[in-house]
Amino acid sequence: MDGDLPAAAGDRMIDLLEGLPAAYGAVPALEPHRPAFRNGLCIDAVYHLPATYAQAARWKGDKRFADRAVRIALDCMQVLRCKAGWAQWFDPVRKRNNEAAWTRGMGWAVLGLLDLVRLVDGTAAAEVADLAAGVMERLAQTQAADGNWAAVLDHPEAKTETSTAAFFVAAALHPAAAGLIALPGAVLERAKGACHRALSSDGTYTGVTGDVLPSWDIAAYEHAPTGPSPWAQGSAVRAFAALARCAPPSG
């Protein structure tokens, strides 16, 4: 919310967010007009909602937005925790999540948490950082030999989700991750290799599943079709930007 953003545009965005009904706790329902998303929260929200509120706090000079950012992140990660990791979807009507530890969603979440760490201060930042470390540790434990991850954890039938490697690279090289957790170097190197193999000559990041809607059927995650996807390009941009930032100077 810096630079050329008109103040009125920023105020309109904040008003829209503040006017949304709650999905659970501090988390707003982002698409209340869509029945599939009206009652529940998706792990993807951890990527953009907390950081947006934290940026609003800086822009408006209002700590309440920073507090809301942290509450959203903590509320989401608490109810999405499942045996295998963090699930894609929580339904407050059923009072449970769908137990699908979807690795692309875990990738979005860990980057969102790390972005938030750099935008808030004190004990709140430490609590968010601990959550990010937990997600990275779980991913490091579950990497396949080729440097990729299954689309959902603890399901041997699941296909590969290549974007998770990009998310892991971006998270491991994130400035907020420095000193946070000691990750095995081999995991990062394998993930880097997987990223480079997934990148086609025209810049398309391949092998990524398309839109994965919340489901209570694990097969919907195990065998989702793959193809060019904005989700893929977003994760790849974060990964390769991190690699460029951390590359030693040439010459």
C-alpha atoms as a PDB file:
ATOM      1  CA  MET A   1       0.000   0.000   0.000  1.00  0.00           C
ATOM      2  CA  ASP A   2       2.834   2.327  -0.857  1.00  0.00           C
ATOM      3  CA  GLY A   3       3.764   4.331  -3.893  1.00  0.00           C
ATOM      4  CA  ASP A   4       1.050   5.152  -6.388  1.00  0.00           C
ATOM      5  CA  LEU A   5      -1.960   3.587  -4.660  1.00  0.00           C
ATOM      6  CA  PRO A   6      -4.574   6.340  -4.306  1.00  0.00           C
ATOM      7  CA  ALA A   7      -5.701   6.759  -0.727  1.00  0.00           C
ATOM      8  CA  ALA A   8      -9.340   6.356  -1.746  1.00  0.00           C
ATOM      9  CA  ALA A   9      -8.590   2.992  -3.371  1.00  0.00           C
ATOM     10  CA  GLY A  10      -6.881   1.719  -0.240  1.00  0.00           C
ATOM     11  CA  ASP A  11      -9.767   2.897   1.923  1.00  0.00           C
ATOM     12  CA  ARG A  12     -12.280   1.166  -0.361  1.00  0.00           C
ATOM     13  CA  MET A  13     -10.380  -2.111  -0.097  1.00  0.00           C
ATOM     14  CA  ILE A  14     -10.259  -1.908   3.699  1.00  0.00           C
ATOM     15  CA  ASP A  15     -13.964  -1.061   3.843  1.00  0.00           C
ATOM     16  CA  LEU A  16     -14.774  -4.067   1.654  1.00  0.00           C
ATOM     17  CA  LEU A  17     -12.729  -6.428   3.827  1.00  0.00           C
ATOM     18  CA  GLU A  18     -14.195  -5.037   7.034  1.00  0.00           C
ATOM     19  CA  GLY A  19     -17.712  -5.425   5.621  1.00  0.00           C
ATOM     20  CA  LEU A  20     -17.389  -9.145   4.914  1.00  0.00           C
ATOM     21  CA  PRO A  21     -19.170 -11.619   7.198  1.00  0.00           C
ATOM     22  CA  ALA A  22     -16.994 -13.771   9.438  1.00  0.00           C
ATOM     23  CA  ALA A  23     -16.226 -17.318   8.327  1.00  0.00           C
ATOM     24  CA  TYR A  24     -14.659 -18.308  11.626  1.00  0.00           C
ATOM     25  CA  GLY A  25     -13.111 -16.286  14.447  1.00  0.00           C
ATOM     26  CA  ALA A  26     -11.354 -13.271  12.944  1.00  0.00           C
ATOM     27  CA  VAL A  27     -11.334 -14.766   9.428  1.00  0.00           C
ATOM     28  CA  PRO A  28     -13.705 -13.129   6.919  1.00  0.00           C
ATOM     29  CA  ALA A  29     -15.610 -15.128   4.300  1.00  0.00           C
ATOM     30  CA  LEU A  30     -13.962 -13.958   1.100  1.00  0.00           C
ATOM     31  CA  GLU A  31     -16.650 -15.202  -1.298  1.00  0.00           C
ATOM     32  CA  PRO A  32     -19.938 -15.195   0.596  1.00  0.00           C
ATOM     33  CA  HIS A  33     -21.845 -15.048  -2.711  1.00  0.00           C
ATOM     34  CA  ARG A  34     -20.589 -18.530  -3.671  1.00  0.00           C
ATOM     35  CA  PRO A  35     -22.347 -21.356  -1.806  1.00  0.00           C
ATOM     36  CA  ALA A  36     -19.256 -23.590  -1.851  1.00  0.00           C
ATOM     37  CA  PHE A  37     -17.234 -20.947   0.002  1.00  0.00           C
ATOM     38  CA  ARG A  38     -19.927 -19.237   2.062  1.00  0.00           C
ATOM     39  CA  ASN A  39     -19.443 -21.270   5.224  1.00  0.00           C
ATOM     40  CA  GLY A  40     -15.809 -22.119   5.727  1.00  0.00           C
ATOM     41  CA  LEU A  41     -12.227 -21.058   5.336  1.00  0.00           C
ATOM     42  CA  CYS A  42      -9.525 -22.153   2.945  1.00  0.00           C
ATOM     43  CA  ILE A  43      -5.801 -22.375   3.672  1.00  0.00           C
ATOM     44  CA  ASP A  44      -5.038 -20.127   0.688  1.00  0.00           C
ATOM     45  CA  ALA A  45      -6.343 -17.205   2.758  1.00  0.00           C
ATOM     46  CA  VAL A  46      -3.273 -17.423   4.999  1.00  0.00           C
ATOM     47  CA  TYR A  47      -1.161 -16.218   2.085  1.00  0.00           C
ATOM     48  CA  HIS A  48      -2.908 -12.933   1.371  1.00  0.00           C
ATOM     49  CA  LEU A  49      -5.283 -11.910   4.167  1.00  0.00           C
ATOM     50  CA  PRO A  50      -2.872 -11.530   7.124  1.00  0.00           C
ATOM     51  CA  ALA A  51      -0.252  -9.698   5.068  1.00  0.00           C
ATOM     52  CA  THR A  52      -2.909  -7.383   3.615  1.00  0.00           C
ATOM     53  CA  TYR A  53      -4.160  -6.422   7.082  1.00  0.00           C
ATOM     54  CA  ALA A  54      -0.589  -5.952   8.329  1.00  0.00           C
ATOM     55  CA  GLN A  55       0.202  -3.662   5.409  1.00  0.00           C
ATOM     56  CA  ALA A  56      -2.994  -1.748   6.134  1.00  0.00           C
ATOM     57  CA  ALA A  57      -1.781  -1.252   9.703  1.00  0.00           C
ATOM     58  CA  ARG A  58       1.402   0.369   8.432  1.00  0.00           C
ATOM     59  CA  TRP A  59      -0.397   2.437   5.836  1.00  0.00           C
ATOM     60  CA  LYS A  60      -3.076   3.718   8.212  1.00  0.00           C
ATOM     61  CA  GLY A  61      -0.907   3.810  11.339  1.00  0.00           C
ATOM     62  CA  ASP A  62      -3.526   1.676  13.102  1.00  0.00           C
ATOM     63  CA  LYS A  63      -2.269  -1.244  15.202  1.00  0.00           C
ATOM     64  CA  ARG A  64      -5.727  -2.801  15.235  1.00  0.00           C
ATOM     65  CA  PHE A  65      -5.172  -4.000  11.688  1.00  0.00           C
ATOM     66  CA  ALA A  66      -1.900  -5.667  12.690  1.00  0.00           C
ATOM     67  CA  ASP A  67      -3.648  -7.408  15.575  1.00  0.00           C
ATOM     68  CA  ARG A  68      -6.350  -8.588  13.163  1.00  0.00           C
ATOM     69  CA  ALA A  69      -3.678  -9.890  10.788  1.00  0.00           C
ATOM     70  CA  VAL A  70      -2.156 -12.066  13.492  1.00  0.00           C
ATOM     71  CA  ARG A  71      -5.530 -13.311  14.708  1.00  0.00           C
ATOM     72  CA  ILE A  72      -6.515 -14.339  11.182  1.00  0.00           C
ATOM     73  CA  ALA A  73      -3.285 -16.299  10.710  1.00  0.00           C
ATOM     74  CA  LEU A  74      -3.540 -18.033  14.090  1.00  0.00           C
ATOM     75  CA  ASP A  75      -7.259 -18.800  13.770  1.00  0.00           C
ATOM     76  CA  CYS A  76      -6.762 -20.313  10.318  1.00  0.00           C
ATOM     77  CA  MET A  77      -3.785 -22.472  11.216  1.00  0.00           C
ATOM     78  CA  GLN A  78      -5.390 -23.686  14.440  1.00  0.00           C
ATOM     79  CA  VAL A  79      -8.557 -25.052  12.845  1.00  0.00           C
ATOM     80  CA  LEU A  80      -6.779 -26.360   9.730  1.00  0.00           C
ATOM     81  CA  ARG A  81      -4.302 -28.481  11.719  1.00  0.00           C
ATOM     82  CA  CYS A  82      -4.755 -32.143  10.905  1.00  0.00           C
ATOM     83  CA  LYS A  83      -2.885 -35.381  11.487  1.00  0.00           C
ATOM     84  CA  ALA A  84      -0.796 -35.158   8.307  1.00  0.00           C
ATOM     85  CA  GLY A  85      -0.154 -31.408   8.371  1.00  0.00           C
ATOM     86  CA  TRP A  86      -2.612 -28.582   7.624  1.00  0.00           C
ATOM     87  CA  ALA A  87      -5.815 -29.175   5.720  1.00  0.00           C
ATOM     88  CA  GLN A  88      -7.186 -27.191   2.806  1.00  0.00           C
ATOM     89  CA  TRP A  89     -10.627 -26.551   4.244  1.00  0.00           C
ATOM     90  CA  PHE A  90     -12.385 -25.989   7.565  1.00  0.00           C
ATOM     91  CA  ASP A  91     -16.156 -26.059   7.856  1.00  0.00           C
ATOM     92  CA  PRO A  92     -17.468 -24.275  10.979  1.00  0.00           C
ATOM     93  CA  VAL A  93     -20.870 -25.945  10.549  1.00  0.00           C
ATOM     94  CA  ARG A  94     -19.322 -29.417  10.751  1.00  0.00           C
ATOM     95  CA  LYS A  95     -16.792 -28.068  13.266  1.00  0.00           C
ATOM     96  CA  ARG A  96     -13.916 -29.902  11.588  1.00  0.00           C
ATOM     97  CA  ASN A  97     -11.524 -29.681   8.655  1.00  0.00           C
ATOM     98  CA  ASN A  98     -11.410 -32.080   5.729  1.00  0.00           C
ATOM     99  CA  GLU A  99      -8.108 -33.729   6.800  1.00  0.00           C
ATOM    100  CA  ALA A 100      -6.608 -33.161   3.335  1.00  0.00           C
ATOM    101  CA  ALA A 101      -3.012 -32.010   3.946  1.00  0.00           C
ATOM    102  CA  TRP A 102      -2.799 -30.397   0.534  1.00  0.00           C
ATOM    103  CA  THR A 103       0.814 -29.448  -0.043  1.00  0.00           C
ATOM    104  CA  ARG A 104       0.185 -26.542  -2.402  1.00  0.00           C
ATOM    105  CA  GLY A 105      -2.004 -24.979   0.265  1.00  0.00           C
ATOM    106  CA  MET A 106       0.679 -25.573   2.883  1.00  0.00           C
ATOM    107  CA  GLY A 107       3.069 -23.770   0.547  1.00  0.00           C
ATOM    108  CA  TRP A 108       0.786 -20.744   0.257  1.00  0.00           C
ATOM    109  CA  ALA A 109       0.364 -20.747   4.026  1.00  0.00           C
ATOM    110  CA  VAL A 110       4.043 -20.856   4.929  1.00  0.00           C
ATOM    111  CA  LEU A 111       4.874 -17.981   2.568  1.00  0.00           C
ATOM    112  CA  GLY A 112       2.003 -15.945   3.971  1.00  0.00           C
ATOM    113  CA  LEU A 113       3.186 -16.588   7.516  1.00  0.00           C
ATOM    114  CA  LEU A 114       6.752 -15.584   6.686  1.00  0.00           C
ATOM    115  CA  ASP A 115       5.559 -12.428   4.931  1.00  0.00           C
ATOM    116  CA  LEU A 116       3.556 -11.602   8.057  1.00  0.00           C
ATOM    117  CA  VAL A 117       6.567 -12.121  10.348  1.00  0.00           C
ATOM    118  CA  ARG A 118       8.316  -9.228   8.625  1.00  0.00           C
ATOM    119  CA  LEU A 119       5.307  -6.939   9.026  1.00  0.00           C
ATOM    120  CA  VAL A 120       4.510  -7.348  12.741  1.00  0.00           C
ATOM    121  CA  ASP A 121       6.517  -7.052  15.925  1.00  0.00           C
ATOM    122  CA  GLY A 122       7.110  -8.677  19.289  1.00  0.00           C
ATOM    123  CA  THR A 123       5.549 -11.846  20.623  1.00  0.00           C
ATOM    124  CA  ALA A 124       3.030 -11.908  17.777  1.00  0.00           C
ATOM    125  CA  ALA A 125       5.834 -12.219  15.242  1.00  0.00           C
ATOM    126  CA  ALA A 126       7.438 -15.015  17.266  1.00  0.00           C
ATOM    127  CA  GLU A 127       4.201 -17.001  17.404  1.00  0.00           C
ATOM    128  CA  VAL A 128       3.659 -16.658  13.661  1.00  0.00           C
ATOM    129  CA  ALA A 129       7.297 -17.601  13.018  1.00  0.00           C
ATOM    130  CA  ASP A 130       6.889 -20.769  15.081  1.00  0.00           C
ATOM    131  CA  LEU A 131       3.938 -21.771  12.918  1.00  0.00           C
ATOM    132  CA  ALA A 132       5.928 -21.147   9.737  1.00  0.00           C
ATOM    133  CA  ALA A 133       8.781 -23.258  11.086  1.00  0.00           C
ATOM    134  CA  GLY A 134       6.354 -26.083  11.811  1.00  0.00           C
ATOM    135  CA  VAL A 135       5.045 -26.097   8.247  1.00  0.00           C
ATOM    136  CA  MET A 136       8.566 -26.038   6.770  1.00  0.00           C
ATOM    137  CA  GLU A 137       9.666 -28.845   9.060  1.00  0.00           C
ATOM    138  CA  ARG A 138       6.701 -31.001   8.037  1.00  0.00           C
ATOM    139  CA  LEU A 139       7.412 -30.398   4.364  1.00  0.00           C
ATOM    140  CA  ALA A 140      11.096 -31.199   4.836  1.00  0.00           C
ATOM    141  CA  GLN A 141      10.087 -34.532   6.371  1.00  0.00           C
ATOM    142  CA  THR A 142       7.847 -35.523   3.476  1.00  0.00           C
ATOM    143  CA  GLN A 143       9.800 -34.644   0.315  1.00  0.00           C
ATOM    144  CA  ALA A 144      10.070 -37.292  -2.402  1.00  0.00           C
ATOM    145  CA  ALA A 145      13.428 -38.402  -3.791  1.00  0.00           C
ATOM    146  CA  ASP A 146      12.973 -36.293  -6.954  1.00  0.00           C
ATOM    147  CA  GLY A 147      12.632 -33.086  -4.931  1.00  0.00           C
ATOM    148  CA  ASN A 148       8.860 -32.813  -5.283  1.00  0.00           C
ATOM    149  CA  TRP A 149       5.954 -33.474  -2.943  1.00  0.00           C
ATOM    150  CA  ALA A 150       2.760 -35.467  -3.238  1.00  0.00           C
ATOM    151  CA  ALA A 151      -0.373 -33.399  -3.783  1.00  0.00           C
ATOM    152  CA  VAL A 152      -1.626 -34.565  -0.376  1.00  0.00           C
ATOM    153  CA  LEU A 153       0.509 -35.975   2.411  1.00  0.00           C
ATOM    154  CA  ASP A 154       0.213 -39.522   3.742  1.00  0.00           C
ATOM    155  CA  HIS A 155      -1.662 -40.738   0.671  1.00  0.00           C
ATOM    156  CA  PRO A 156       0.578 -42.981  -1.463  1.00  0.00           C
ATOM    157  CA  GLU A 157      -1.899 -42.842  -4.359  1.00  0.00           C
ATOM    158  CA  ALA A 158      -1.543 -39.077  -4.709  1.00  0.00           C
ATOM    159  CA  LYS A 159       0.094 -37.608  -7.787  1.00  0.00           C
ATOM    160  CA  THR A 160       2.962 -35.114  -7.632  1.00  0.00           C
ATOM    161  CA  GLU A 161       2.285 -31.393  -7.107  1.00  0.00           C
ATOM    162  CA  THR A 162       5.291 -29.537  -8.551  1.00  0.00           C
ATOM    163  CA  SER A 163       4.359 -26.110  -7.175  1.00  0.00           C
ATOM    164  CA  THR A 164       5.149 -27.294  -3.641  1.00  0.00           C
ATOM    165  CA  ALA A 165       8.842 -27.405  -4.535  1.00  0.00           C
ATOM    166  CA  ALA A 166       8.641 -23.763  -5.639  1.00  0.00           C
ATOM    167  CA  PHE A 167       6.909 -22.779  -2.421  1.00  0.00           C
ATOM    168  CA  PHE A 168       9.514 -24.621  -0.368  1.00  0.00           C
ATOM    169  CA  VAL A 169      12.401 -22.875  -2.148  1.00  0.00           C
ATOM    170  CA  ALA A 170      10.766 -19.468  -1.684  1.00  0.00           C
ATOM    171  CA  ALA A 171      10.103 -20.192   2.004  1.00  0.00           C
ATOM    172  CA  ALA A 172      13.533 -21.616   2.785  1.00  0.00           C
ATOM    173  CA  LEU A 173      15.207 -18.555   1.220  1.00  0.00           C
ATOM    174  CA  HIS A 174      12.741 -16.036   2.667  1.00  0.00           C
ATOM    175  CA  PRO A 175      14.483 -13.353   4.769  1.00  0.00           C
ATOM    176  CA  ALA A 176      12.166 -14.123   7.699  1.00  0.00           C
ATOM    177  CA  ALA A 177      13.277 -17.767   7.657  1.00  0.00           C
ATOM    178  CA  ALA A 178      16.916 -16.916   8.402  1.00  0.00           C
ATOM    179  CA  GLY A 179      17.843 -18.571  11.687  1.00  0.00           C
ATOM    180  CA  LEU A 180      14.293 -19.785  12.186  1.00  0.00           C
ATOM    181  CA  ILE A 181      14.831 -23.495  11.575  1.00  0.00           C
ATOM    182  CA  ALA A 182      17.747 -25.697  10.531  1.00  0.00           C
ATOM    183  CA  LEU A 183      16.529 -27.404   7.368  1.00  0.00           C
ATOM    184  CA  PRO A 184      18.547 -30.198   5.756  1.00  0.00           C
ATOM    185  CA  GLY A 185      20.516 -28.668   2.912  1.00  0.00           C
ATOM    186  CA  ALA A 186      19.767 -31.647   0.672  1.00  0.00           C
ATOM    187  CA  VAL A 187      16.025 -30.941   0.849  1.00  0.00           C
ATOM    188  CA  LEU A 188      16.488 -27.423  -0.483  1.00  0.00           C
ATOM    189  CA  GLU A 189      18.877 -28.575  -3.219  1.00  0.00           C
ATOM    190  CA  ARG A 190      16.462 -31.263  -4.394  1.00  0.00           C
ATOM    191  CA  ALA A 191      13.616 -28.726  -4.387  1.00  0.00           C
ATOM    192  CA  LYS A 192      15.705 -26.323  -6.476  1.00  0.00           C
ATOM    193  CA  GLY A 193      16.331 -29.077  -9.002  1.00  0.00           C
ATOM    194  CA  ALA A 194      12.638 -29.886  -9.161  1.00  0.00           C
ATOM    195  CA  CYS A 195      11.841 -26.226  -9.828  1.00  0.00           C
ATOM    196  CA  HIS A 196      14.269 -25.986 -12.713  1.00  0.00           C
ATOM    197  CA  ARG A 197      12.950 -29.205 -14.276  1.00  0.00           C
ATOM    198  CA  ALA A 198       9.347 -27.960 -14.038  1.00  0.00           C
ATOM    199  CA  LEU A 199      10.122 -24.695 -15.860  1.00  0.00           C
ATOM    200  CA  SER A 200       9.555 -24.985 -19.609  1.00  0.00           C
ATOM    201  CA  SER A 201      11.513 -23.052 -22.218  1.00  0.00           C
ATOM    202  CA  ASP A 202       8.671 -20.540 -22.625  1.00  0.00           C
ATOM    203  CA  GLY A 203       8.541 -19.776 -18.897  1.00  0.00           C
ATOM    204  CA  THR A 204       5.521 -21.931 -18.070  1.00  0.00           C
ATOM    205  CA  TYR A 205       5.806 -23.794 -14.777  1.00  0.00           C
ATOM    206  CA  THR A 206       4.512 -27.283 -15.500  1.00  0.00           C
ATOM    207  CA  GLY A 207       3.056 -30.204 -13.573  1.00  0.00           C
ATOM    208  CA  VAL A 208       0.760 -28.141 -11.362  1.00  0.00           C
ATOM    209  CA  THR A 209      -2.839 -29.031 -10.616  1.00  0.00           C
ATOM    210  CA  GLY A 210      -5.536 -26.614 -11.716  1.00  0.00           C
ATOM    211  CA  ASP A 211      -8.198 -25.168  -9.445  1.00  0.00           C
ATOM    212  CA  VAL A 212      -8.672 -27.545  -6.510  1.00  0.00           C
ATOM    213  CA  LEU A 213     -11.986 -26.796  -4.839  1.00  0.00           C
ATOM    214  CA  PRO A 214     -12.663 -27.803  -1.242  1.00  0.00           C
ATOM    215  CA  SER A 215     -13.810 -31.399  -1.046  1.00  0.00           C
ATOM    216  CA  TRP A 216     -14.448 -34.110   1.531  1.00  0.00           C
ATOM    217  CA  ASP A 217     -13.387 -36.732  -1.041  1.00  0.00           C
ATOM    218  CA  ILE A 218      -9.617 -37.267  -0.839  1.00  0.00           C
ATOM    219  CA  ALA A 219      -9.582 -38.563  -4.424  1.00  0.00           C
ATOM    220  CA  ALA A 220     -10.318 -35.022  -5.617  1.00  0.00           C
ATOM    221  CA  TYR A 221      -6.848 -34.076  -4.356  1.00  0.00           C
ATOM    222  CA  GLU A 222      -5.032 -37.277  -5.257  1.00  0.00           C
ATOM    223  CA  HIS A 223      -5.833 -37.187  -8.970  1.00  0.00           C
ATOM    224  CA  ALA A 224      -6.518 -33.560  -9.902  1.00  0.00           C
ATOM    225  CA  PRO A 225      -5.687 -32.719 -13.563  1.00  0.00           C
ATOM    226  CA  THR A 226      -2.578 -30.669 -14.253  1.00  0.00           C
ATOM    227  CA  GLY A 227      -1.914 -27.858 -16.690  1.00  0.00           C
ATOM    228  CA  PRO A 228      -0.742 -24.239 -17.026  1.00  0.00           C
ATOM    229  CA  SER A 229      -1.992 -22.360 -13.999  1.00  0.00           C
ATOM    230  CA  PRO A 230      -1.704 -18.915 -12.411  1.00  0.00           C
ATOM    231  CA  TRP A 231      -1.102 -20.750  -9.122  1.00  0.00           C
ATOM    232  CA  ALA A 232       1.960 -22.314 -10.720  1.00  0.00           C
ATOM    233  CA  GLN A 233       3.306 -19.071 -12.097  1.00  0.00           C
ATOM    234  CA  GLY A 234       2.875 -17.333  -8.750  1.00  0.00           C
ATOM    235  CA  SER A 235       4.810 -19.953  -6.838  1.00  0.00           C
ATOM    236  CA  ALA A 236       7.512 -20.033  -9.521  1.00  0.00           C
ATOM    237  CA  VAL A 237       7.936 -16.254  -9.460  1.00  0.00           C
ATOM    238  CA  ARG A 238       8.438 -16.348  -5.685  1.00  0.00           C
ATOM    239  CA  ALA A 239      10.939 -19.218  -5.961  1.00  0.00           C
ATOM    240  CA  PHE A 240      13.064 -17.841  -8.773  1.00  0.00           C
ATOM    241  CA  ALA A 241      12.997 -14.320  -7.312  1.00  0.00           C
ATOM    242  CA  ALA A 242      14.336 -15.802  -4.059  1.00  0.00           C
ATOM    243  CA  LEU A 243      17.034 -17.705  -5.934  1.00  0.00           C
ATOM    244  CA  ALA A 244      18.063 -14.537  -7.784  1.00  0.00           C
ATOM    245  CA  ARG A 245      18.156 -12.542  -4.555  1.00  0.00           C
ATOM    246  CA  CYS A 246      20.379 -15.124  -2.874  1.00  0.00           C
ATOM    247  CA  ALA A 247      22.695 -15.730  -5.842  1.00  0.00           C
ATOM    248  CA  PRO A 248      26.311 -14.597  -5.381  1.00  0.00           C
ATOM    249  CA  PRO A 249      27.246 -11.522  -7.405  1.00  0.00           C
ATOM    250  CA  SER A 250      28.679 -12.324 -10.832  1.00  0.00           C
ATOM    251  CA  GLY A 251      32.164 -11.299 -11.857  1.00  0.00           C
END
